Protein backbone atom coordinates (compact mmCIF):
# COMPACT_ATOMS: atom_id res chain seq x y z
CA UNK A 1 139.72 131.76 38.44
CA UNK A 2 139.76 132.99 34.84
CA UNK A 3 141.54 129.81 33.74
CA UNK A 4 138.94 127.67 35.47
CA UNK A 5 136.28 128.92 33.06
CA UNK A 6 138.27 127.78 30.06
CA UNK A 7 139.45 124.56 31.64
CA UNK A 8 136.88 122.86 33.82
CA UNK A 9 135.73 119.66 32.18
CA UNK A 10 136.72 121.36 28.85
CA UNK A 11 133.12 121.83 27.73
CA UNK A 12 131.80 125.12 26.34
CA UNK A 13 128.14 126.03 26.60
CA UNK A 14 126.80 127.68 23.46
CA UNK A 15 123.17 128.59 24.05
CA UNK A 16 121.08 127.81 20.98
CA UNK A 17 117.53 127.53 22.26
CA UNK A 18 114.02 128.23 20.95
CA UNK A 19 112.84 131.68 19.92
CA UNK A 20 112.05 133.93 22.88
CA UNK A 21 108.37 134.47 23.66
CA UNK A 22 109.11 137.71 25.54
CA UNK A 23 109.19 141.24 24.17
CA UNK A 24 112.32 143.29 24.71
CA UNK A 25 110.63 145.57 27.26
CA UNK A 26 108.58 142.91 29.07
CA UNK A 27 109.39 142.95 32.82
CA UNK A 28 110.58 139.60 34.19
CA UNK A 29 110.87 138.43 37.79
CA UNK A 30 112.83 135.42 39.05
CA UNK A 31 112.18 134.71 42.72
CA UNK A 32 112.33 131.91 45.24
CA UNK A 33 113.91 130.66 48.46
CA UNK A 34 117.08 128.84 49.48
CA UNK A 35 117.72 126.45 52.38
CA UNK A 36 120.37 124.28 54.01
CA UNK A 37 119.81 120.54 53.79
CA UNK A 38 118.35 120.55 57.32
CA UNK A 39 115.72 123.11 56.31
CA UNK A 40 117.45 126.12 57.84
CA UNK A 41 117.09 129.20 55.58
CA UNK A 42 120.25 130.36 53.81
CA UNK A 43 120.18 133.81 55.36
CA UNK A 44 121.98 136.81 53.84
CA UNK A 45 123.84 134.61 51.39
CA UNK A 46 125.21 135.74 48.03
CA UNK A 47 123.22 134.49 45.02
CA UNK A 48 123.84 134.93 41.30
CA UNK A 49 121.72 134.75 38.13
CA UNK A 50 123.91 134.21 35.05
CA UNK A 51 122.87 133.98 31.41
CA UNK A 52 124.89 131.52 29.34
CA UNK A 53 126.49 133.16 26.28
CA UNK A 54 125.82 131.95 22.77
CA UNK A 55 128.30 131.81 19.90
CA UNK A 56 127.47 135.31 18.71
CA UNK A 57 128.10 136.73 22.16
CA UNK A 58 131.33 134.81 22.56
CA UNK A 59 132.58 136.44 19.38
CA UNK A 60 132.13 139.88 20.91
CA UNK A 61 134.10 139.28 24.05
CA UNK A 62 132.28 136.88 26.37
CA UNK A 63 134.28 134.18 28.11
CA UNK A 64 133.11 130.62 27.53
CA UNK A 65 131.25 129.02 30.42
CA UNK A 66 132.49 125.56 31.30
CA UNK A 67 130.56 122.97 33.29
CA UNK A 68 131.21 124.78 36.56
CA UNK A 69 127.66 124.45 37.90
CA UNK A 70 127.16 128.20 37.57
CA UNK A 71 128.88 129.03 40.86
CA UNK A 72 131.89 130.86 39.43
CA UNK A 73 130.08 134.20 39.75
CA UNK A 74 129.88 133.68 43.51
CA UNK A 75 133.66 133.91 43.82
CA UNK A 76 135.39 136.90 45.38
CA UNK A 77 137.22 137.51 42.09
CA UNK A 78 134.68 136.42 39.45
CA UNK A 79 135.71 135.97 35.80
CA UNK A 80 134.66 138.36 32.97
CA UNK A 81 131.45 136.43 32.18
CA UNK A 82 130.13 137.63 35.52
CA UNK A 83 130.22 141.26 34.41
CA UNK A 84 126.75 140.69 32.99
CA UNK A 85 125.51 138.54 35.87
CA UNK A 86 122.90 139.72 38.32
CA UNK A 87 123.95 139.19 41.92
CA UNK A 88 122.24 139.79 45.24
CA UNK A 89 121.68 138.29 48.67
CA UNK A 90 118.98 136.22 50.27
CA UNK A 91 117.03 137.78 53.13
CA UNK A 92 116.50 136.45 56.66
CA UNK A 93 114.00 133.87 55.38
CA UNK A 94 116.27 132.71 52.54
CA UNK A 95 114.15 134.53 49.95
CA UNK A 96 115.54 136.29 46.88
CA UNK A 97 114.24 138.10 43.79
CA UNK A 98 115.75 139.34 40.53
CA UNK A 99 114.18 141.80 38.10
CA UNK A 100 115.12 142.00 34.43
CA UNK A 101 113.63 142.65 30.99
CA UNK A 102 112.83 140.35 28.10
CA UNK A 103 115.87 141.57 26.19
CA UNK A 104 118.08 140.40 29.08
CA UNK A 105 116.85 136.83 28.62
CA UNK A 106 117.69 136.58 24.93
CA UNK A 107 120.75 135.58 22.95
CA UNK A 108 122.26 137.37 19.98
CA UNK A 109 119.70 135.84 17.58
CA UNK A 110 116.66 136.51 19.76
CA UNK A 111 116.53 132.98 21.18
CA UNK A 112 115.62 132.22 24.78
CA UNK A 113 118.93 131.67 26.57
CA UNK A 114 119.58 129.25 29.46
CA UNK A 115 120.22 130.79 32.88
CA UNK A 116 122.08 129.50 35.92
CA UNK A 117 120.76 130.53 39.33
CA UNK A 118 123.39 129.66 41.94
CA UNK A 119 123.93 129.87 45.67
CA UNK A 120 126.65 128.48 47.96
CA UNK A 121 126.33 127.66 51.64
CA UNK A 122 128.91 128.14 54.39
CA UNK A 123 131.67 125.59 54.86
CA UNK A 124 131.20 123.18 57.70
CA UNK A 125 134.04 122.10 59.98
CA UNK A 126 136.70 120.23 58.02
CA UNK A 127 135.43 121.36 54.61
CA UNK A 128 137.48 123.53 52.25
CA UNK A 129 134.33 125.05 50.74
CA UNK A 130 130.60 124.81 51.34
CA UNK A 131 128.04 123.03 49.18
CA UNK A 132 126.33 124.81 46.29
CA UNK A 133 123.06 124.49 44.39
CA UNK A 134 122.26 125.67 40.86
CA UNK A 135 119.02 125.72 38.91
CA UNK A 136 119.45 125.82 35.12
CA UNK A 137 116.42 126.91 33.08
CA UNK A 138 115.18 128.96 30.13
CA UNK A 139 113.08 132.08 30.78
CA UNK A 140 109.94 132.19 28.61
CA UNK A 141 107.51 133.72 31.13
CA UNK A 142 107.30 137.03 32.94
CA UNK A 143 107.44 135.26 36.31
CA UNK A 144 109.75 132.35 37.12
CA UNK A 145 109.62 130.62 40.49
CA UNK A 146 112.25 127.86 40.61
CA UNK A 147 111.97 125.01 43.08
CA UNK A 148 113.51 125.81 46.47
CA UNK A 149 117.30 125.93 46.20
CA UNK A 150 117.95 123.36 48.92
CA UNK A 151 121.57 122.37 49.33
CA UNK A 152 122.80 118.78 49.25
CA UNK A 153 125.24 118.51 52.15
CA UNK A 154 126.43 114.92 52.50
CA UNK A 155 129.34 114.00 54.71
CA UNK A 156 132.15 113.48 52.20
CA UNK A 157 134.95 111.08 53.14
CA UNK A 158 138.33 111.01 51.41
CA UNK A 159 140.76 108.11 51.91
CA UNK A 160 144.20 108.06 50.26
CA UNK A 161 145.86 104.73 49.44
CA UNK A 162 148.81 103.64 47.31
CA UNK A 163 146.52 102.75 44.40
CA UNK A 164 144.44 105.93 44.45
CA UNK A 165 141.85 107.89 46.39
CA UNK A 166 138.47 106.66 47.59
CA UNK A 167 135.61 109.13 47.96
CA UNK A 168 132.47 108.21 49.91
CA UNK A 169 129.31 110.03 50.90
CA UNK A 170 125.71 109.75 52.02
CA UNK A 171 122.94 109.01 49.52
CA UNK A 172 122.67 111.07 46.34
CA UNK A 173 119.73 113.42 45.74
CA UNK A 174 116.72 111.37 44.67
CA UNK A 175 116.76 110.44 40.98
CA UNK A 176 120.15 111.96 40.30
CA UNK A 177 123.43 110.78 38.80
CA UNK A 178 126.80 112.04 40.01
CA UNK A 179 130.44 112.62 39.14
CA UNK A 180 133.47 113.11 41.36
CA UNK A 181 135.79 116.01 40.51
CA UNK A 182 139.37 116.66 41.65
CA UNK A 183 140.38 120.31 41.35
CA UNK A 184 143.55 122.35 41.79
CA UNK A 185 143.57 126.16 41.89
CA UNK A 186 142.50 127.31 38.44
CA UNK A 187 141.82 123.93 36.85
CA UNK A 188 140.35 120.45 36.93
CA UNK A 189 142.68 117.47 37.36
CA UNK A 190 140.21 114.66 36.77
CA UNK A 191 136.51 113.81 36.85
CA UNK A 192 134.60 110.58 36.37
CA UNK A 193 131.32 108.90 37.19
CA UNK A 194 130.88 108.53 40.93
CA UNK A 195 130.44 105.18 42.65
CA UNK A 196 130.33 105.33 46.44
CA UNK A 197 133.51 103.90 47.94
CA UNK A 198 135.14 103.12 44.58
CA UNK A 199 138.82 104.06 44.35
CA UNK A 200 139.88 106.54 41.67
CA UNK A 201 143.07 105.31 39.99
CA UNK A 202 145.92 107.38 41.41
CA UNK A 203 147.53 107.70 38.00
CA UNK A 204 144.70 110.01 36.98
CA UNK A 205 145.62 112.29 39.89
CA UNK A 206 149.42 112.01 39.53
CA UNK A 207 151.05 114.22 42.19
CA UNK A 208 148.21 116.75 42.42
CA UNK A 209 147.11 118.46 45.60
CA UNK A 210 143.77 120.24 45.77
CA UNK A 211 140.12 119.68 46.61
CA UNK A 212 137.57 117.01 45.70
CA UNK A 213 133.78 117.30 45.57
CA UNK A 214 130.74 115.46 44.24
CA UNK A 215 128.42 116.84 41.56
CA UNK A 216 124.90 115.48 41.06
CA UNK A 217 122.08 116.48 38.74
CA UNK A 218 118.54 115.63 37.73
CA UNK A 219 115.83 117.29 35.63
CA UNK A 220 112.10 117.83 36.00
CA UNK A 221 109.39 120.26 34.90
CA UNK A 222 107.36 122.73 36.95
CA UNK A 223 104.80 125.20 35.56
CA UNK A 224 105.83 124.26 32.01
CA UNK A 225 109.47 125.24 32.69
CA UNK A 226 112.15 122.56 32.65
CA UNK A 227 114.60 122.85 35.53
CA UNK A 228 117.93 121.07 35.74
CA UNK A 229 118.80 120.74 39.42
CA UNK A 230 122.58 120.78 39.93
CA UNK A 231 124.11 119.94 43.29
CA UNK A 232 127.72 120.33 44.40
CA UNK A 233 128.75 118.83 47.73
CA UNK A 234 131.14 120.53 50.08
CA UNK A 235 134.75 120.07 48.99
CA UNK A 236 137.51 118.31 50.92
CA UNK A 237 141.26 118.53 50.45
CA UNK A 238 143.29 115.73 48.89
CA UNK A 239 146.96 114.99 48.22
CA UNK A 240 147.72 112.27 45.69
CA UNK A 241 150.70 110.09 46.57
CA UNK A 242 151.05 108.34 43.21
CA UNK A 243 153.61 110.77 41.82
CA UNK A 244 154.41 112.09 38.36
CA UNK A 245 154.03 109.96 35.20
CA UNK A 246 157.09 108.95 33.13
CA UNK A 247 156.03 111.55 30.56
CA UNK A 248 156.50 114.43 33.03
CA UNK A 249 158.93 116.96 31.58
CA UNK A 250 158.98 115.47 28.07
CA UNK A 251 159.55 117.95 25.24
CA UNK A 252 156.92 118.85 22.65
CA UNK A 253 157.19 119.33 18.90
CA UNK A 254 154.84 121.89 17.37
CA UNK A 255 154.28 122.35 13.63
CA UNK A 256 152.35 124.99 11.71
CA UNK A 257 151.36 125.51 8.09
CA UNK A 258 155.02 125.89 7.07
CA UNK A 259 155.89 122.40 8.31
CA UNK A 260 158.76 123.70 10.43
CA UNK A 261 159.14 121.77 13.69
CA UNK A 262 159.34 123.95 16.81
CA UNK A 263 160.70 122.20 19.92
CA UNK A 264 159.18 123.28 23.22
CA UNK A 265 161.08 122.33 26.36
CA UNK A 266 159.70 122.71 28.93
CA UNK A 267 156.30 121.96 27.42
CA UNK A 268 152.97 123.00 28.94
CA UNK A 269 151.49 119.60 28.08
CA UNK A 270 153.89 117.66 30.31
CA UNK A 271 154.72 120.08 33.13
CA UNK A 272 152.11 118.91 35.65
CA UNK A 273 150.30 122.25 35.61
CA UNK A 274 146.70 121.10 35.23
CA UNK A 275 145.36 124.64 34.91
CA UNK A 276 147.57 126.14 32.19
CA UNK A 277 146.60 125.43 28.58
CA UNK A 278 149.08 124.81 25.79
CA UNK A 279 149.90 127.95 23.79
CA UNK A 280 151.09 127.48 20.21
CA UNK A 281 154.47 129.14 19.50
CA UNK A 282 155.14 131.36 16.50
CA UNK A 283 155.61 129.52 13.20
CA UNK A 284 159.23 130.50 12.54
CA UNK A 285 159.16 128.77 9.17
CA UNK A 286 156.50 131.08 7.78
CA UNK A 287 157.65 132.93 4.62
CA UNK A 288 156.31 136.52 4.25
CA UNK A 289 154.74 137.63 1.00
CA UNK A 290 156.33 140.12 -1.37
CA UNK A 291 155.33 142.98 0.90
CA UNK A 292 156.80 141.35 3.98
CA UNK A 293 153.36 140.53 5.34
CA UNK A 294 151.49 137.36 6.35
CA UNK A 295 153.56 136.00 9.22
CA UNK A 296 152.73 138.36 12.05
CA UNK A 297 150.16 136.00 13.58
CA UNK A 298 151.33 132.68 12.09
CA UNK A 299 151.37 130.01 14.81
CA UNK A 300 152.70 126.46 14.93
CA UNK A 301 149.28 125.08 15.76
CA UNK A 302 148.57 122.41 13.14
CA UNK A 303 149.94 119.59 15.30
CA UNK A 304 151.51 119.22 18.73
CA UNK A 305 153.52 116.09 19.57
CA UNK A 306 154.86 114.88 22.93
CA UNK A 307 158.24 113.14 22.52
CA UNK A 308 158.95 110.66 25.32
CA UNK A 309 162.59 110.45 24.23
CA UNK A 310 162.50 106.70 23.71
CA UNK A 311 160.01 103.95 22.95
CA UNK A 312 158.11 103.02 26.09
CA UNK A 313 155.74 100.15 26.85
CA UNK A 314 152.72 101.99 28.21
CA UNK A 315 149.41 100.93 29.73
CA UNK A 316 147.64 104.25 30.20
CA UNK A 317 147.35 107.44 28.15
CA UNK A 318 145.48 110.39 29.64
CA UNK A 319 144.36 113.37 27.55
CA UNK A 320 143.03 116.50 29.24
CA UNK A 321 141.23 119.06 27.13
CA UNK A 322 140.99 117.17 23.84
CA UNK A 323 138.04 118.53 21.86
CA UNK A 324 135.54 116.67 19.70
CA UNK A 325 137.25 117.97 16.55
CA UNK A 326 140.69 116.66 17.46
CA UNK A 327 142.44 113.34 16.84
CA UNK A 328 144.94 111.73 19.23
CA UNK A 329 147.56 109.51 17.57
CA UNK A 330 150.59 107.47 18.65
CA UNK A 331 153.79 106.38 16.92
CA UNK A 332 157.16 104.81 17.62
CA UNK A 333 158.99 106.39 14.67
CA UNK A 334 157.09 109.63 13.88
CA UNK A 335 156.33 108.15 10.43
CA UNK A 336 153.67 105.50 11.00
CA UNK A 337 150.77 106.73 13.11
CA UNK A 338 147.87 104.89 14.73
CA UNK A 339 144.77 106.63 16.01
CA UNK A 340 144.17 106.43 19.73
CA UNK A 341 140.79 108.17 19.74
CA UNK A 342 138.88 111.29 18.79
CA UNK A 343 137.35 112.38 22.07
CA UNK A 344 136.07 115.21 24.18
CA UNK A 345 137.26 116.59 27.48
CA UNK A 346 138.92 114.14 29.88
CA UNK A 347 139.70 110.75 28.41
CA UNK A 348 141.84 107.77 29.33
CA UNK A 349 142.89 104.85 27.17
CA UNK A 350 143.82 101.57 28.83
CA UNK A 351 145.80 99.16 26.69
CA UNK A 352 149.37 97.84 26.50
CA UNK A 353 151.14 99.51 23.58
CA UNK A 354 154.56 100.82 22.58
CA UNK A 355 154.72 104.60 22.27
CA UNK A 356 157.36 107.25 21.79
CA UNK A 357 155.34 110.01 20.14
CA UNK A 358 151.84 111.15 21.08
CA UNK A 359 150.30 113.66 18.65
CA UNK A 360 147.19 115.84 18.68
CA UNK A 361 145.88 117.33 15.44
CA UNK A 362 142.61 118.62 14.08
CA UNK A 363 140.35 116.13 12.32
CA UNK A 364 140.05 118.61 9.42
CA UNK A 365 142.74 119.92 7.09
CA UNK A 366 141.81 123.51 7.88
CA UNK A 367 141.59 123.05 11.64
CA UNK A 368 144.13 123.80 14.35
CA UNK A 369 144.92 122.42 17.78
CA UNK A 370 142.54 124.14 20.25
CA UNK A 371 143.49 126.30 23.17
CA UNK A 372 141.65 123.92 25.52
CA UNK A 373 144.41 121.28 25.41
CA UNK A 374 146.11 121.22 28.80
CA UNK A 375 147.95 118.01 29.63
CA UNK A 376 148.96 114.71 28.01
CA UNK A 377 150.18 111.99 30.36
CA UNK A 378 151.63 108.57 29.54
CA UNK A 379 152.15 105.73 32.03
């Protein structure tokens, strides 16, 4: 579960909102009700209220929150970010209430921080996990009453074919857009915009086995508070039959400030583990200073290159966990490089091209390859 926070969708939330209008000691109440889609109250169900960390808080030990719809704190083994979360249970009518102070609603610079209020329903027959609902909002008043947390519980169908997996469902929540997400324990395999009945290319899913669910969202305002309504459908199991890409098991070449090339085989970027992030090895070419210092923490993290072993004619490159400050490049000789893209999160690039080497580097001279990079696949 801890790796899910760092890996899902690869996006980090850094709260940077308006100045708080609440005093540190002002009492605050967040209360409301939660229901199943059919109107039945969600009775005696765990519910969590989680403040998103800002950059200052991340620097003092918070774990980054990814786009996980705020439900991670409902898990049996929640990650460290949930240490500061407020949790409770709904009553027999589905009602809940949280009490906090103004200081609890603020970030490290006194700004009003976004909160995620999340609840998950029971799993229906055939589902791996029940549907969830999250309200995301900023607390600027002493009393917050979110809209009813009513679950979206469509019947989700999953059909596996040789060319991929088709996911279908009932209608989306009114006015919402949706994505489909394929997950393995600890990490996200693939997500993309959802179109009912449209097949997801099996190459994106490789040989993964896990669960798939739909995520929808929309935003509106009530009592001068903007609420982002986030819906997660129940999840269903899937097993992709496409198989591993030709790049599976390829070695990686890492370089640090010294320029020394460190070969990694096996490499975390080509091992098919969609949860584990790449970890930069020690920069063995680092030269200590006159006092024998300066190399204790030196890492080979300036570039990381997947070596396919030979030039291949490829039609699809998939990058998982590439950040907005990174550049993806390709080469056939490790001398002449062409940019593929600078992108964020989960990206695919469809074009026929010859590739042997696929490299990730920072877009700045001072930057390093991030710890969010998880898998590079070439077809």
